[in-house]
Amino acid sequence: MDSLQFYKCLADKTRLTCLMLIQQEGELCVCELMEALQEGQPKISRHLAQLRNAGLLTDRRQGQWVFYRIHPALADWQVDVLDKTRHNSSDFFQQSLAHLTNMRSRPGREQTCC
């Protein structure tokens, strides 16, 4: 992925928040991101697909659920940008993190989601 595409992905609030939450938590499913961002499934899934297609996220299926994580093949400078953004902008995604933390019945990684 080139620099321009990387920064375009970060330029959208929903995509940036998803990336920050996924990086913070290690792995999240669509239902967790829906709760965190207080957005519907089509919007969240569309943004996650864009991030996956751009190479920023990878996914894994567990039954009918899909879990997303930061792609392990990101360049060091890209990981550094994400780390610094998360550490220096926690106020940006703090409300979403609070929604996620308060989510009832969060899925276990070996259990059925939602």
PDB file of N, CA and C in Angstrom:
ATOM      1  N   MET A   1       0.840  -1.170   0.000  1.00  0.00           N
ATOM      2  CA  MET A   1       0.000   0.000   0.000  1.00  0.00           C
ATOM      3  C   MET A   1       0.889   1.237   0.000  1.00  0.00           C
ATOM      4  N   ASP A   2       0.547   2.175  -0.852  1.00  0.00           N
ATOM      5  CA  ASP A   2       1.329   3.402  -0.894  1.00  0.00           C
ATOM      6  C   ASP A   2       0.874   4.372   0.199  1.00  0.00           C
ATOM      7  N   SER A   3       1.661   5.393   0.428  1.00  0.00           N
ATOM      8  CA  SER A   3       1.393   6.358   1.499  1.00  0.00           C
ATOM      9  C   SER A   3       0.063   7.065   1.309  1.00  0.00           C
ATOM     10  N   LEU A   4      -0.238   7.463   0.084  1.00  0.00           N
ATOM     11  CA  LEU A   4      -1.474   8.190  -0.169  1.00  0.00           C
ATOM     12  C   LEU A   4      -2.701   7.358   0.196  1.00  0.00           C
ATOM     13  N   GLN A   5      -2.724   6.110  -0.212  1.00  0.00           N
ATOM     14  CA  GLN A   5      -3.849   5.237   0.109  1.00  0.00           C
ATOM     15  C   GLN A   5      -3.962   5.034   1.616  1.00  0.00           C
ATOM     16  N   PHE A   6      -2.838   4.874   2.283  1.00  0.00           N
ATOM     17  CA  PHE A   6      -2.820   4.696   3.731  1.00  0.00           C
ATOM     18  C   PHE A   6      -3.467   5.903   4.427  1.00  0.00           C
ATOM     19  N   TYR A   7      -3.025   7.095   4.065  1.00  0.00           N
ATOM     20  CA  TYR A   7      -3.553   8.294   4.711  1.00  0.00           C
ATOM     21  C   TYR A   7      -5.006   8.574   4.318  1.00  0.00           C
ATOM     22  N   LYS A   8      -5.404   8.199   3.127  1.00  0.00           N
ATOM     23  CA  LYS A   8      -6.818   8.334   2.746  1.00  0.00           C
ATOM     24  C   LYS A   8      -7.693   7.463   3.636  1.00  0.00           C
ATOM     25  N   CYS A   9      -7.206   6.281   3.970  1.00  0.00           N
ATOM     26  CA  CYS A   9      -7.957   5.395   4.863  1.00  0.00           C
ATOM     27  C   CYS A   9      -8.118   6.015   6.245  1.00  0.00           C
ATOM     28  N   LEU A  10      -7.106   6.729   6.699  1.00  0.00           N
ATOM     29  CA  LEU A  10      -7.151   7.347   8.020  1.00  0.00           C
ATOM     30  C   LEU A  10      -7.978   8.627   8.043  1.00  0.00           C
ATOM     31  N   ALA A  11      -8.291   9.171   6.869  1.00  0.00           N
ATOM     32  CA  ALA A  11      -8.952  10.474   6.783  1.00  0.00           C
ATOM     33  C   ALA A  11     -10.435  10.429   7.140  1.00  0.00           C
ATOM     34  N   ASP A  12     -11.021   9.248   7.206  1.00  0.00           N
ATOM     35  CA  ASP A  12     -12.431   9.122   7.537  1.00  0.00           C
ATOM     36  C   ASP A  12     -12.596   8.795   9.020  1.00  0.00           C
ATOM     37  N   LYS A  13     -13.487   9.502   9.700  1.00  0.00           N
ATOM     38  CA  LYS A  13     -13.679   9.324  11.144  1.00  0.00           C
ATOM     39  C   LYS A  13     -14.056   7.889  11.509  1.00  0.00           C
ATOM     40  N   THR A  14     -14.972   7.289  10.768  1.00  0.00           N
ATOM     41  CA  THR A  14     -15.401   5.917  11.074  1.00  0.00           C
ATOM     42  C   THR A  14     -14.255   4.941  10.900  1.00  0.00           C
ATOM     43  N   ARG A  15     -13.524   5.049   9.808  1.00  0.00           N
ATOM     44  CA  ARG A  15     -12.394   4.133   9.575  1.00  0.00           C
ATOM     45  C   ARG A  15     -11.304   4.333  10.622  1.00  0.00           C
ATOM     46  N   LEU A  16     -10.993   5.586  10.941  1.00  0.00           N
ATOM     47  CA  LEU A  16      -9.955   5.852  11.934  1.00  0.00           C
ATOM     48  C   LEU A  16     -10.364   5.319  13.298  1.00  0.00           C
ATOM     49  N   THR A  17     -11.606   5.526  13.677  1.00  0.00           N
ATOM     50  CA  THR A  17     -12.073   5.023  14.968  1.00  0.00           C
ATOM     51  C   THR A  17     -12.026   3.493  15.005  1.00  0.00           C
ATOM     52  N   CYS A  18     -12.456   2.857  13.928  1.00  0.00           N
ATOM     53  CA  CYS A  18     -12.371   1.390  13.856  1.00  0.00           C
ATOM     54  C   CYS A  18     -10.931   0.925  14.041  1.00  0.00           C
ATOM     55  N   LEU A  19     -10.011   1.556  13.339  1.00  0.00           N
ATOM     56  CA  LEU A  19      -8.600   1.172  13.447  1.00  0.00           C
ATOM     57  C   LEU A  19      -8.077   1.361  14.865  1.00  0.00           C
ATOM     58  N   MET A  20      -8.418   2.477  15.493  1.00  0.00           N
ATOM     59  CA  MET A  20      -7.936   2.747  16.852  1.00  0.00           C
ATOM     60  C   MET A  20      -8.491   1.727  17.842  1.00  0.00           C
ATOM     61  N   LEU A  21      -9.768   1.400  17.704  1.00  0.00           N
ATOM     62  CA  LEU A  21     -10.378   0.424  18.607  1.00  0.00           C
ATOM     63  C   LEU A  21      -9.817  -0.978  18.382  1.00  0.00           C
ATOM     64  N   ILE A  22      -9.655  -1.358  17.131  1.00  0.00           N
ATOM     65  CA  ILE A  22      -9.104  -2.679  16.830  1.00  0.00           C
ATOM     66  C   ILE A  22      -7.675  -2.773  17.335  1.00  0.00           C
ATOM     67  N   GLN A  23      -6.906  -1.721  17.144  1.00  0.00           N
ATOM     68  CA  GLN A  23      -5.535  -1.744  17.644  1.00  0.00           C
ATOM     69  C   GLN A  23      -5.516  -1.822  19.172  1.00  0.00           C
ATOM     70  N   GLN A  24      -6.393  -1.082  19.816  1.00  0.00           N
ATOM     71  CA  GLN A  24      -6.479  -1.082  21.282  1.00  0.00           C
ATOM     72  C   GLN A  24      -6.850  -2.465  21.815  1.00  0.00           C
ATOM     73  N   GLU A  25      -7.835  -3.105  21.174  1.00  0.00           N
ATOM     74  CA  GLU A  25      -8.375  -4.364  21.664  1.00  0.00           C
ATOM     75  C   GLU A  25      -7.695  -5.599  21.082  1.00  0.00           C
ATOM     76  N   GLY A  26      -6.979  -5.445  19.983  1.00  0.00           N
ATOM     77  CA  GLY A  26      -6.316  -6.577  19.352  1.00  0.00           C
ATOM     78  C   GLY A  26      -7.149  -7.222  18.261  1.00  0.00           C
ATOM     79  N   GLU A  27      -8.438  -7.353  18.509  1.00  0.00           N
ATOM     80  CA  GLU A  27      -9.340  -7.992  17.551  1.00  0.00           C
ATOM     81  C   GLU A  27     -10.772  -7.644  17.959  1.00  0.00           C
ATOM     82  N   LEU A  28     -11.592  -7.291  16.970  1.00  0.00           N
ATOM     83  CA  LEU A  28     -12.998  -6.992  17.230  1.00  0.00           C
ATOM     84  C   LEU A  28     -13.862  -7.536  16.106  1.00  0.00           C
ATOM     85  N   CYS A  29     -15.098  -7.885  16.453  1.00  0.00           N
ATOM     86  CA  CYS A  29     -16.047  -8.313  15.427  1.00  0.00           C
ATOM     87  C   CYS A  29     -16.950  -7.135  15.057  1.00  0.00           C
ATOM     88  N   VAL A  30     -17.699  -7.312  14.007  1.00  0.00           N
ATOM     89  CA  VAL A  30     -18.572  -6.258  13.499  1.00  0.00           C
ATOM     90  C   VAL A  30     -19.553  -5.796  14.578  1.00  0.00           C
ATOM     91  N   CYS A  31     -20.130  -6.729  15.315  1.00  0.00           N
ATOM     92  CA  CYS A  31     -21.120  -6.349  16.321  1.00  0.00           C
ATOM     93  C   CYS A  31     -20.513  -5.479  17.416  1.00  0.00           C
ATOM     94  N   GLU A  32     -19.266  -5.732  17.778  1.00  0.00           N
ATOM     95  CA  GLU A  32     -18.605  -4.901  18.782  1.00  0.00           C
ATOM     96  C   GLU A  32     -18.362  -3.491  18.245  1.00  0.00           C
ATOM     97  N   LEU A  33     -17.964  -3.402  16.983  1.00  0.00           N
ATOM     98  CA  LEU A  33     -17.741  -2.088  16.387  1.00  0.00           C
ATOM     99  C   LEU A  33     -19.054  -1.332  16.200  1.00  0.00           C
ATOM    100  N   MET A  34     -20.128  -2.044  15.892  1.00  0.00           N
ATOM    101  CA  MET A  34     -21.443  -1.408  15.785  1.00  0.00           C
ATOM    102  C   MET A  34     -21.822  -0.773  17.122  1.00  0.00           C
ATOM    103  N   GLU A  35     -21.611  -1.500  18.199  1.00  0.00           N
ATOM    104  CA  GLU A  35     -21.927  -0.986  19.533  1.00  0.00           C
ATOM    105  C   GLU A  35     -21.020   0.193  19.889  1.00  0.00           C
ATOM    106  N   ALA A  36     -19.746   0.048  19.638  1.00  0.00           N
ATOM    107  CA  ALA A  36     -18.784   1.091  19.997  1.00  0.00           C
ATOM    108  C   ALA A  36     -19.056   2.403  19.268  1.00  0.00           C
ATOM    109  N   LEU A  37     -19.350   2.311  17.976  1.00  0.00           N
ATOM    110  CA  LEU A  37     -19.556   3.511  17.179  1.00  0.00           C
ATOM    111  C   LEU A  37     -21.019   3.947  17.109  1.00  0.00           C
ATOM    112  N   GLN A  38     -21.908   3.108  17.651  1.00  0.00           N
ATOM    113  CA  GLN A  38     -23.338   3.410  17.609  1.00  0.00           C
ATOM    114  C   GLN A  38     -23.798   3.630  16.161  1.00  0.00           C
ATOM    115  N   GLU A  39     -23.359   2.728  15.291  1.00  0.00           N
ATOM    116  CA  GLU A  39     -23.681   2.779  13.863  1.00  0.00           C
ATOM    117  C   GLU A  39     -24.233   1.424  13.434  1.00  0.00           C
ATOM    118  N   GLY A  40     -24.907   1.416  12.301  1.00  0.00           N
ATOM    119  CA  GLY A  40     -25.496   0.201  11.778  1.00  0.00           C
ATOM    120  C   GLY A  40     -24.490  -0.707  11.095  1.00  0.00           C
ATOM    121  N   GLN A  41     -24.898  -1.951  10.935  1.00  0.00           N
ATOM    122  CA  GLN A  41     -24.027  -2.965  10.335  1.00  0.00           C
ATOM    123  C   GLN A  41     -23.582  -2.623   8.917  1.00  0.00           C
ATOM    124  N   PRO A  42     -24.458  -2.121   8.033  1.00  0.00           N
ATOM    125  CA  PRO A  42     -23.991  -1.838   6.667  1.00  0.00           C
ATOM    126  C   PRO A  42     -22.851  -0.812   6.620  1.00  0.00           C
ATOM    127  N   LYS A  43     -22.968   0.241   7.426  1.00  0.00           N
ATOM    128  CA  LYS A  43     -21.927   1.272   7.431  1.00  0.00           C
ATOM    129  C   LYS A  43     -20.610   0.711   7.963  1.00  0.00           C
ATOM    130  N   ILE A  44     -20.660   0.014   9.079  1.00  0.00           N
ATOM    131  CA  ILE A  44     -19.444  -0.549   9.673  1.00  0.00           C
ATOM    132  C   ILE A  44     -18.813  -1.556   8.712  1.00  0.00           C
ATOM    133  N   SER A  45     -19.607  -2.448   8.164  1.00  0.00           N
ATOM    134  CA  SER A  45     -19.076  -3.469   7.250  1.00  0.00           C
ATOM    135  C   SER A  45     -18.452  -2.839   6.004  1.00  0.00           C
ATOM    136  N   ARG A  46     -19.062  -1.790   5.487  1.00  0.00           N
ATOM    137  CA  ARG A  46     -18.514  -1.114   4.305  1.00  0.00           C
ATOM    138  C   ARG A  46     -17.130  -0.535   4.609  1.00  0.00           C
ATOM    139  N   HIS A  47     -16.993   0.116   5.749  1.00  0.00           N
ATOM    140  CA  HIS A  47     -15.696   0.699   6.111  1.00  0.00           C
ATOM    141  C   HIS A  47     -14.652  -0.382   6.406  1.00  0.00           C
ATOM    142  N   LEU A  48     -15.062  -1.448   7.049  1.00  0.00           N
ATOM    143  CA  LEU A  48     -14.130  -2.541   7.316  1.00  0.00           C
ATOM    144  C   LEU A  48     -13.665  -3.185   6.011  1.00  0.00           C
ATOM    145  N   ALA A  49     -14.558  -3.322   5.057  1.00  0.00           N
ATOM    146  CA  ALA A  49     -14.176  -3.879   3.750  1.00  0.00           C
ATOM    147  C   ALA A  49     -13.162  -2.976   3.060  1.00  0.00           C
ATOM    148  N   GLN A  50     -13.356  -1.663   3.161  1.00  0.00           N
ATOM    149  CA  GLN A  50     -12.390  -0.735   2.571  1.00  0.00           C
ATOM    150  C   GLN A  50     -11.019  -0.883   3.232  1.00  0.00           C
ATOM    151  N   LEU A  51     -11.002  -0.992   4.544  1.00  0.00           N
ATOM    152  CA  LEU A  51      -9.738  -1.148   5.264  1.00  0.00           C
ATOM    153  C   LEU A  51      -9.073  -2.484   4.947  1.00  0.00           C
ATOM    154  N   ARG A  52      -9.869  -3.524   4.825  1.00  0.00           N
ATOM    155  CA  ARG A  52      -9.327  -4.839   4.472  1.00  0.00           C
ATOM    156  C   ARG A  52      -8.783  -4.826   3.043  1.00  0.00           C
ATOM    157  N   ASN A  53      -9.544  -4.267   2.119  1.00  0.00           N
ATOM    158  CA  ASN A  53      -9.104  -4.203   0.720  1.00  0.00           C
ATOM    159  C   ASN A  53      -7.854  -3.353   0.541  1.00  0.00           C
ATOM    160  N   ALA A  54      -7.678  -2.364   1.409  1.00  0.00           N
ATOM    161  CA  ALA A  54      -6.494  -1.515   1.356  1.00  0.00           C
ATOM    162  C   ALA A  54      -5.285  -2.181   2.019  1.00  0.00           C
ATOM    163  N   GLY A  55      -5.506  -3.285   2.728  1.00  0.00           N
ATOM    164  CA  GLY A  55      -4.406  -4.012   3.356  1.00  0.00           C
ATOM    165  C   GLY A  55      -4.108  -3.592   4.784  1.00  0.00           C
ATOM    166  N   LEU A  56      -4.965  -2.780   5.387  1.00  0.00           N
ATOM    167  CA  LEU A  56      -4.739  -2.365   6.771  1.00  0.00           C
ATOM    168  C   LEU A  56      -5.267  -3.379   7.779  1.00  0.00           C
ATOM    169  N   LEU A  57      -6.288  -4.116   7.396  1.00  0.00           N
ATOM    170  CA  LEU A  57      -6.879  -5.119   8.283  1.00  0.00           C
ATOM    171  C   LEU A  57      -6.830  -6.495   7.645  1.00  0.00           C
ATOM    172  N   THR A  58      -6.826  -7.471   8.494  1.00  0.00           N
ATOM    173  CA  THR A  58      -7.023  -8.845   8.072  1.00  0.00           C
ATOM    174  C   THR A  58      -8.204  -9.380   8.877  1.00  0.00           C
ATOM    175  N   ASP A  59      -8.835 -10.407   8.385  1.00  0.00           N
ATOM    176  CA  ASP A  59      -9.991 -10.940   9.095  1.00  0.00           C
ATOM    177  C   ASP A  59      -9.889 -12.447   9.217  1.00  0.00           C
ATOM    178  N   ARG A  60     -10.689 -12.963  10.118  1.00  0.00           N
ATOM    179  CA  ARG A  60     -10.797 -14.409  10.279  1.00  0.00           C
ATOM    180  C   ARG A  60     -12.240 -14.723  10.604  1.00  0.00           C
ATOM    181  N   ARG A  61     -12.682 -15.838  10.111  1.00  0.00           N
ATOM    182  CA  ARG A  61     -14.055 -16.275  10.360  1.00  0.00           C
ATOM    183  C   ARG A  61     -14.078 -17.232  11.540  1.00  0.00           C
ATOM    184  N   GLN A  62     -15.108 -17.064  12.325  1.00  0.00           N
ATOM    185  CA  GLN A  62     -15.382 -17.999  13.416  1.00  0.00           C
ATOM    186  C   GLN A  62     -16.871 -18.282  13.333  1.00  0.00           C
ATOM    187  N   GLY A  63     -17.207 -19.377  12.686  1.00  0.00           N
ATOM    188  CA  GLY A  63     -18.617 -19.660  12.421  1.00  0.00           C
ATOM    189  C   GLY A  63     -19.140 -18.632  11.440  1.00  0.00           C
ATOM    190  N   GLN A  64     -20.234 -17.981  11.793  1.00  0.00           N
ATOM    191  CA  GLN A  64     -20.798 -16.966  10.910  1.00  0.00           C
ATOM    192  C   GLN A  64     -20.223 -15.578  11.167  1.00  0.00           C
ATOM    193  N   TRP A  65     -19.359 -15.435  12.147  1.00  0.00           N
ATOM    194  CA  TRP A  65     -18.830 -14.135  12.544  1.00  0.00           C
ATOM    195  C   TRP A  65     -17.462 -13.895  11.931  1.00  0.00           C
ATOM    196  N   VAL A  66     -17.168 -12.615  11.726  1.00  0.00           N
ATOM    197  CA  VAL A  66     -15.883 -12.214  11.177  1.00  0.00           C
ATOM    198  C   VAL A  66     -15.217 -11.277  12.183  1.00  0.00           C
ATOM    199  N   PHE A  67     -13.989 -11.603  12.538  1.00  0.00           N
ATOM    200  CA  PHE A  67     -13.204 -10.794  13.462  1.00  0.00           C
ATOM    201  C   PHE A  67     -12.085 -10.104  12.686  1.00  0.00           C
ATOM    202  N   TYR A  68     -11.841  -8.846  13.029  1.00  0.00           N
ATOM    203  CA  TYR A  68     -10.850  -8.030  12.328  1.00  0.00           C
ATOM    204  C   TYR A  68      -9.706  -7.676  13.260  1.00  0.00           C
ATOM    205  N   ARG A  69      -8.505  -7.641  12.667  1.00  0.00           N
ATOM    206  CA  ARG A  69      -7.310  -7.212  13.399  1.00  0.00           C
ATOM    207  C   ARG A  69      -6.407  -6.445  12.444  1.00  0.00           C
ATOM    208  N   ILE A  70      -5.475  -5.702  13.003  1.00  0.00           N
ATOM    209  CA  ILE A  70      -4.512  -4.958  12.189  1.00  0.00           C
ATOM    210  C   ILE A  70      -3.679  -5.967  11.407  1.00  0.00           C
ATOM    211  N   HIS A  71      -3.482  -5.701  10.140  1.00  0.00           N
ATOM    212  CA  HIS A  71      -2.729  -6.638   9.287  1.00  0.00           C
ATOM    213  C   HIS A  71      -1.278  -6.723   9.775  1.00  0.00           C
ATOM    214  N   PRO A  72      -0.772  -7.923  10.016  1.00  0.00           N
ATOM    215  CA  PRO A  72       0.586  -8.076  10.543  1.00  0.00           C
ATOM    216  C   PRO A  72       1.682  -7.689   9.541  1.00  0.00           C
ATOM    217  N   ALA A  73       1.324  -7.550   8.262  1.00  0.00           N
ATOM    218  CA  ALA A  73       2.328  -7.213   7.251  1.00  0.00           C
ATOM    219  C   ALA A  73       2.441  -5.710   6.993  1.00  0.00           C
ATOM    220  N   LEU A  74       1.788  -4.882   7.837  1.00  0.00           N
ATOM    221  CA  LEU A  74       1.939  -3.439   7.663  1.00  0.00           C
ATOM    222  C   LEU A  74       3.408  -3.054   7.838  1.00  0.00           C
ATOM    223  N   ALA A  75       3.805  -2.040   7.104  1.00  0.00           N
ATOM    224  CA  ALA A  75       5.175  -1.536   7.236  1.00  0.00           C
ATOM    225  C   ALA A  75       5.368  -0.947   8.641  1.00  0.00           C
ATOM    226  N   ASP A  76       6.595  -0.967   9.113  1.00  0.00           N
ATOM    227  CA  ASP A  76       6.888  -0.441  10.451  1.00  0.00           C
ATOM    228  C   ASP A  76       6.417   1.000  10.608  1.00  0.00           C
ATOM    229  N   TRP A  77       6.607   1.830   9.568  1.00  0.00           N
ATOM    230  CA  TRP A  77       6.204   3.235   9.679  1.00  0.00           C
ATOM    231  C   TRP A  77       4.682   3.360   9.807  1.00  0.00           C
ATOM    232  N   GLN A  78       3.930   2.448   9.173  1.00  0.00           N
ATOM    233  CA  GLN A  78       2.473   2.483   9.269  1.00  0.00           C
ATOM    234  C   GLN A  78       2.020   2.100  10.674  1.00  0.00           C
ATOM    235  N   VAL A  79       2.630   1.073  11.227  1.00  0.00           N
ATOM    236  CA  VAL A  79       2.314   0.662  12.600  1.00  0.00           C
ATOM    237  C   VAL A  79       2.658   1.791  13.563  1.00  0.00           C
ATOM    238  N   ASP A  80       3.781   2.456  13.321  1.00  0.00           N
ATOM    239  CA  ASP A  80       4.199   3.575  14.159  1.00  0.00           C
ATOM    240  C   ASP A  80       3.178   4.714  14.101  1.00  0.00           C
ATOM    241  N   VAL A  81       2.684   5.037  12.912  1.00  0.00           N
ATOM    242  CA  VAL A  81       1.666   6.088  12.770  1.00  0.00           C
ATOM    243  C   VAL A  81       0.414   5.709  13.550  1.00  0.00           C
ATOM    244  N   LEU A  82      -0.030   4.466  13.421  1.00  0.00           N
ATOM    245  CA  LEU A  82      -1.218   4.021  14.149  1.00  0.00           C
ATOM    246  C   LEU A  82      -0.994   4.076  15.656  1.00  0.00           C
ATOM    247  N   ASP A  83       0.166   3.607  16.116  1.00  0.00           N
ATOM    248  CA  ASP A  83       0.488   3.644  17.547  1.00  0.00           C
ATOM    249  C   ASP A  83       0.482   5.067  18.082  1.00  0.00           C
ATOM    250  N   LYS A  84       1.165   5.955  17.381  1.00  0.00           N
ATOM    251  CA  LYS A  84       1.259   7.346  17.848  1.00  0.00           C
ATOM    252  C   LYS A  84      -0.103   8.030  17.811  1.00  0.00           C
ATOM    253  N   THR A  85      -0.888   7.729  16.810  1.00  0.00           N
ATOM    254  CA  THR A  85      -2.227   8.312  16.731  1.00  0.00           C
ATOM    255  C   THR A  85      -3.075   7.842  17.901  1.00  0.00           C
ATOM    256  N   ARG A  86      -3.032   6.564  18.176  1.00  0.00           N
ATOM    257  CA  ARG A  86      -3.829   6.014  19.286  1.00  0.00           C
ATOM    258  C   ARG A  86      -3.381   6.592  20.626  1.00  0.00           C
ATOM    259  N   HIS A  87      -2.083   6.661  20.845  1.00  0.00           N
ATOM    260  CA  HIS A  87      -1.576   7.148  22.127  1.00  0.00           C
ATOM    261  C   HIS A  87      -1.795   8.647  22.321  1.00  0.00           C
ATOM    262  N   ASN A  88      -1.806   9.397  21.246  1.00  0.00           N
ATOM    263  CA  ASN A  88      -1.916  10.850  21.355  1.00  0.00           C
ATOM    264  C   ASN A  88      -3.302  11.387  21.050  1.00  0.00           C
ATOM    265  N   SER A  89      -4.232  10.510  20.748  1.00  0.00           N
ATOM    266  CA  SER A  89      -5.586  10.953  20.402  1.00  0.00           C
ATOM    267  C   SER A  89      -6.648  10.134  21.109  1.00  0.00           C
ATOM    268  N   SER A  90      -6.343   9.683  22.302  1.00  0.00           N
ATOM    269  CA  SER A  90      -7.301   8.816  22.987  1.00  0.00           C
ATOM    270  C   SER A  90      -8.635   9.519  23.210  1.00  0.00           C
ATOM    271  N   ASP A  91      -8.625  10.841  23.334  1.00  0.00           N
ATOM    272  CA  ASP A  91      -9.875  11.564  23.508  1.00  0.00           C
ATOM    273  C   ASP A  91     -10.773  11.439  22.278  1.00  0.00           C
ATOM    274  N   PHE A  92     -10.168  11.223  21.118  1.00  0.00           N
ATOM    275  CA  PHE A  92     -10.902  11.086  19.863  1.00  0.00           C
ATOM    276  C   PHE A  92     -11.826   9.874  19.882  1.00  0.00           C
ATOM    277  N   PHE A  93     -11.359   8.761  20.435  1.00  0.00           N
ATOM    278  CA  PHE A  93     -12.162   7.540  20.399  1.00  0.00           C
ATOM    279  C   PHE A  93     -12.579   7.072  21.789  1.00  0.00           C
ATOM    280  N   GLN A  94     -12.442   7.929  22.788  1.00  0.00           N
ATOM    281  CA  GLN A  94     -12.754   7.557  24.165  1.00  0.00           C
ATOM    282  C   GLN A  94     -14.222   7.185  24.348  1.00  0.00           C
ATOM    283  N   GLN A  95     -15.132   7.939  23.746  1.00  0.00           N
ATOM    284  CA  GLN A  95     -16.557   7.632  23.881  1.00  0.00           C
ATOM    285  C   GLN A  95     -16.881   6.280  23.250  1.00  0.00           C
ATOM    286  N   SER A  96     -16.286   6.003  22.091  1.00  0.00           N
ATOM    287  CA  SER A  96     -16.508   4.709  21.442  1.00  0.00           C
ATOM    288  C   SER A  96     -15.957   3.580  22.294  1.00  0.00           C
ATOM    289  N   LEU A  97     -14.811   3.797  22.904  1.00  0.00           N
ATOM    290  CA  LEU A  97     -14.225   2.786  23.787  1.00  0.00           C
ATOM    291  C   LEU A  97     -15.116   2.552  24.997  1.00  0.00           C
ATOM    292  N   ALA A  98     -15.728   3.600  25.516  1.00  0.00           N
ATOM    293  CA  ALA A  98     -16.648   3.453  26.650  1.00  0.00           C
ATOM    294  C   ALA A  98     -17.876   2.637  26.244  1.00  0.00           C
ATOM    295  N   HIS A  99     -18.429   2.890  25.053  1.00  0.00           N
ATOM    296  CA  HIS A  99     -19.557   2.090  24.562  1.00  0.00           C
ATOM    297  C   HIS A  99     -19.162   0.619  24.466  1.00  0.00           C
ATOM    298  N   LEU A 100     -17.971   0.372  23.956  1.00  0.00           N
ATOM    299  CA  LEU A 100     -17.492  -1.001  23.812  1.00  0.00           C
ATOM    300  C   LEU A 100     -17.317  -1.661  25.178  1.00  0.00           C
ATOM    301  N   THR A 101     -16.734  -0.939  26.108  1.00  0.00           N
ATOM    302  CA  THR A 101     -16.505  -1.471  27.447  1.00  0.00           C
ATOM    303  C   THR A 101     -17.818  -1.816  28.139  1.00  0.00           C
ATOM    304  N   ASN A 102     -18.843  -1.017  27.892  1.00  0.00           N
ATOM    305  CA  ASN A 102     -20.145  -1.233  28.530  1.00  0.00           C
ATOM    306  C   ASN A 102     -21.033  -2.219  27.782  1.00  0.00           C
ATOM    307  N   MET A 103     -20.550  -2.745  26.674  1.00  0.00           N
ATOM    308  CA  MET A 103     -21.340  -3.684  25.879  1.00  0.00           C
ATOM    309  C   MET A 103     -21.592  -4.955  26.685  1.00  0.00           C
ATOM    310  N   ARG A 104     -22.851  -5.326  26.759  1.00  0.00           N
ATOM    311  CA  ARG A 104     -23.202  -6.573  27.436  1.00  0.00           C
ATOM    312  C   ARG A 104     -22.960  -7.736  26.493  1.00  0.00           C
ATOM    313  N   SER A 105     -22.602  -8.840  27.050  1.00  0.00           N
ATOM    314  CA  SER A 105     -22.421 -10.079  26.279  1.00  0.00           C
ATOM    315  C   SER A 105     -21.429  -9.923  25.140  1.00  0.00           C
ATOM    316  N   ARG A 106     -20.287  -9.294  25.440  1.00  0.00           N
ATOM    317  CA  ARG A 106     -19.252  -9.231  24.417  1.00  0.00           C
ATOM    318  C   ARG A 106     -18.807 -10.637  24.086  1.00  0.00           C
ATOM    319  N   PRO A 107     -18.568 -10.879  22.821  1.00  0.00           N
ATOM    320  CA  PRO A 107     -18.224 -12.247  22.423  1.00  0.00           C
ATOM    321  C   PRO A 107     -16.854 -12.665  22.897  1.00  0.00           C
ATOM    322  N   GLY A 108     -16.757 -13.914  23.290  1.00  0.00           N
ATOM    323  CA  GLY A 108     -15.467 -14.511  23.534  1.00  0.00           C
ATOM    324  C   GLY A 108     -14.860 -14.865  22.195  1.00  0.00           C
ATOM    325  N   ARG A 109     -13.608 -14.999  22.129  1.00  0.00           N
ATOM    326  CA  ARG A 109     -12.973 -15.258  20.842  1.00  0.00           C
ATOM    327  C   ARG A 109     -13.139 -16.693  20.389  1.00  0.00           C
ATOM    328  N   GLU A 110     -13.601 -17.562  21.265  1.00  0.00           N
ATOM    329  CA  GLU A 110     -13.867 -18.939  20.878  1.00  0.00           C
ATOM    330  C   GLU A 110     -15.352 -19.269  20.951  1.00  0.00           C
ATOM    331  N   GLN A 111     -16.165 -18.248  21.246  1.00  0.00           N
ATOM    332  CA  GLN A 111     -17.602 -18.461  21.375  1.00  0.00           C
ATOM    333  C   GLN A 111     -18.312 -17.824  20.194  1.00  0.00           C
ATOM    334  N   THR A 112     -19.594 -18.038  20.109  1.00  0.00           N
ATOM    335  CA  THR A 112     -20.403 -17.413  19.086  1.00  0.00           C
ATOM    336  C   THR A 112     -20.574 -15.941  19.431  1.00  0.00           C
ATOM    337  N   CYS A 113     -20.442 -15.089  18.445  1.00  0.00           N
ATOM    338  CA  CYS A 113     -20.572 -13.652  18.623  1.00  0.00           C
ATOM    339  C   CYS A 113     -22.037 -13.248  18.628  1.00  0.00           C
ATOM    340  N   CYS A 114     -22.406 -12.383  19.536  1.00  0.00           N
ATOM    341  CA  CYS A 114     -23.711 -11.709  19.598  1.00  0.00           C
ATOM    342  C   CYS A 114     -24.865 -12.660  19.388  1.00  0.00           C
TER     343      CYS A 114
END
